[in-house]
C-alpha atoms as a PDB file:
ATOM      1  CA  UNK A   1     -92.358 -10.480 -50.659  1.00  0.00           C
ATOM      2  CA  UNK A   2     -95.645  -9.091 -49.290  1.00  0.00           C
ATOM      3  CA  UNK A   3     -97.900  -7.291 -51.698  1.00  0.00           C
ATOM      4  CA  UNK A   4     -96.244  -8.682 -54.799  1.00  0.00           C
ATOM      5  CA  UNK A   5     -99.614  -8.834 -56.553  1.00  0.00           C
ATOM      6  CA  UNK A   6    -102.042  -5.945 -56.101  1.00  0.00           C
ATOM      7  CA  UNK A   7    -105.789  -6.322 -55.668  1.00  0.00           C
ATOM      8  CA  UNK A   8    -106.577  -5.479 -59.313  1.00  0.00           C
ATOM      9  CA  UNK A   9    -104.196  -8.160 -60.546  1.00  0.00           C
ATOM     10  CA  UNK A  10    -105.597 -10.752 -58.140  1.00  0.00           C
ATOM     11  CA  UNK A  11    -109.159  -9.969 -59.204  1.00  0.00           C
ATOM     12  CA  UNK A  12    -108.264 -10.208 -62.905  1.00  0.00           C
ATOM     13  CA  UNK A  13    -106.678 -13.617 -62.268  1.00  0.00           C
ATOM     14  CA  UNK A  14    -109.830 -14.826 -60.497  1.00  0.00           C
ATOM     15  CA  UNK A  15    -112.108 -13.501 -63.249  1.00  0.00           C
ATOM     16  CA  UNK A  16    -110.028 -15.334 -65.844  1.00  0.00           C
ATOM     17  CA  UNK A  17    -110.244 -18.491 -63.730  1.00  0.00           C
ATOM     18  CA  UNK A  18    -114.028 -18.286 -63.436  1.00  0.00           C
ATOM     19  CA  UNK A  19    -114.847 -17.004 -66.948  1.00  0.00           C
ATOM     20  CA  UNK A  20    -112.759 -19.650 -68.693  1.00  0.00           C
ATOM     21  CA  UNK A  21    -113.213 -22.486 -66.195  1.00  0.00           C
ATOM     22  CA  UNK A  22    -109.477 -23.066 -66.010  1.00  0.00           C
ATOM     23  CA  UNK A  23    -107.436 -24.832 -63.371  1.00  0.00           C
ATOM     24  CA  UNK A  24    -105.193 -22.952 -60.939  1.00  0.00           C
ATOM     25  CA  UNK A  25    -102.188 -24.327 -62.800  1.00  0.00           C
ATOM     26  CA  UNK A  26    -103.476 -23.098 -66.173  1.00  0.00           C
ATOM     27  CA  UNK A  27    -104.237 -19.613 -64.870  1.00  0.00           C
ATOM     28  CA  UNK A  28    -100.871 -19.458 -63.096  1.00  0.00           C
ATOM     29  CA  UNK A  29     -99.161 -20.222 -66.410  1.00  0.00           C
ATOM     30  CA  UNK A  30    -101.145 -17.518 -68.224  1.00  0.00           C
ATOM     31  CA  UNK A  31    -100.295 -14.868 -65.635  1.00  0.00           C
ATOM     32  CA  UNK A  32     -96.759 -16.096 -64.888  1.00  0.00           C
ATOM     33  CA  UNK A  33     -97.509 -16.868 -61.241  1.00  0.00           C
ATOM     34  CA  UNK A  34     -94.990 -19.248 -59.692  1.00  0.00           C
ATOM     35  CA  UNK A  35     -97.281 -20.836 -57.128  1.00  0.00           C
ATOM     36  CA  UNK A  36    -100.702 -21.937 -58.413  1.00  0.00           C
ATOM     37  CA  UNK A  37    -101.760 -22.610 -54.817  1.00  0.00           C
ATOM     38  CA  UNK A  38    -101.882 -18.898 -54.039  1.00  0.00           C
ATOM     39  CA  UNK A  39    -104.732 -18.543 -56.541  1.00  0.00           C
ATOM     40  CA  UNK A  40    -106.762 -20.945 -54.428  1.00  0.00           C
ATOM     41  CA  UNK A  41    -105.969 -18.809 -51.395  1.00  0.00           C
ATOM     42  CA  UNK A  42    -107.143 -15.691 -53.234  1.00  0.00           C
ATOM     43  CA  UNK A  43    -110.340 -17.437 -54.319  1.00  0.00           C
ATOM     44  CA  UNK A  44    -111.064 -18.575 -50.757  1.00  0.00           C
ATOM     45  CA  UNK A  45    -110.397 -15.080 -49.408  1.00  0.00           C
ATOM     46  CA  UNK A  46    -112.657 -13.528 -52.035  1.00  0.00           C
ATOM     47  CA  UNK A  47    -115.533 -15.897 -51.244  1.00  0.00           C
ATOM     48  CA  UNK A  48    -115.138 -15.274 -47.506  1.00  0.00           C
ATOM     49  CA  UNK A  49    -114.577 -11.518 -47.510  1.00  0.00           C
ATOM     50  CA  UNK A  50    -115.166 -10.021 -50.941  1.00  0.00           C
ATOM     51  CA  UNK A  51    -112.780  -7.777 -52.810  1.00  0.00           C
ATOM     52  CA  UNK A  52    -111.421  -6.220 -49.616  1.00  0.00           C
ATOM     53  CA  UNK A  53    -110.061  -9.632 -48.629  1.00  0.00           C
ATOM     54  CA  UNK A  54    -107.821  -9.547 -51.720  1.00  0.00           C
ATOM     55  CA  UNK A  55    -105.908  -6.502 -50.514  1.00  0.00           C
ATOM     56  CA  UNK A  56    -102.334  -7.603 -49.790  1.00  0.00           C
ATOM     57  CA  UNK A  57    -101.444  -7.525 -46.121  1.00  0.00           C
ATOM     58  CA  UNK A  58     -98.024  -6.457 -44.931  1.00  0.00           C
ATOM     59  CA  UNK A  59     -96.566  -8.979 -42.508  1.00  0.00           C
ATOM     60  CA  UNK A  60     -94.348  -8.145 -39.637  1.00  0.00           C
END
């Protein structure tokens, strides 16, 4: 489901991760995210391209 999480949500998840020095699994539990690995993807995208890289892309 593309775009399930909007850019504001993704950024708030990352800020929580960084501010509280939590693991992906811990943050995923707090935000009810099924796949903790996607948080790592968001973090990588943010570091490579800034906030614009967090904008969900529609596939297809």
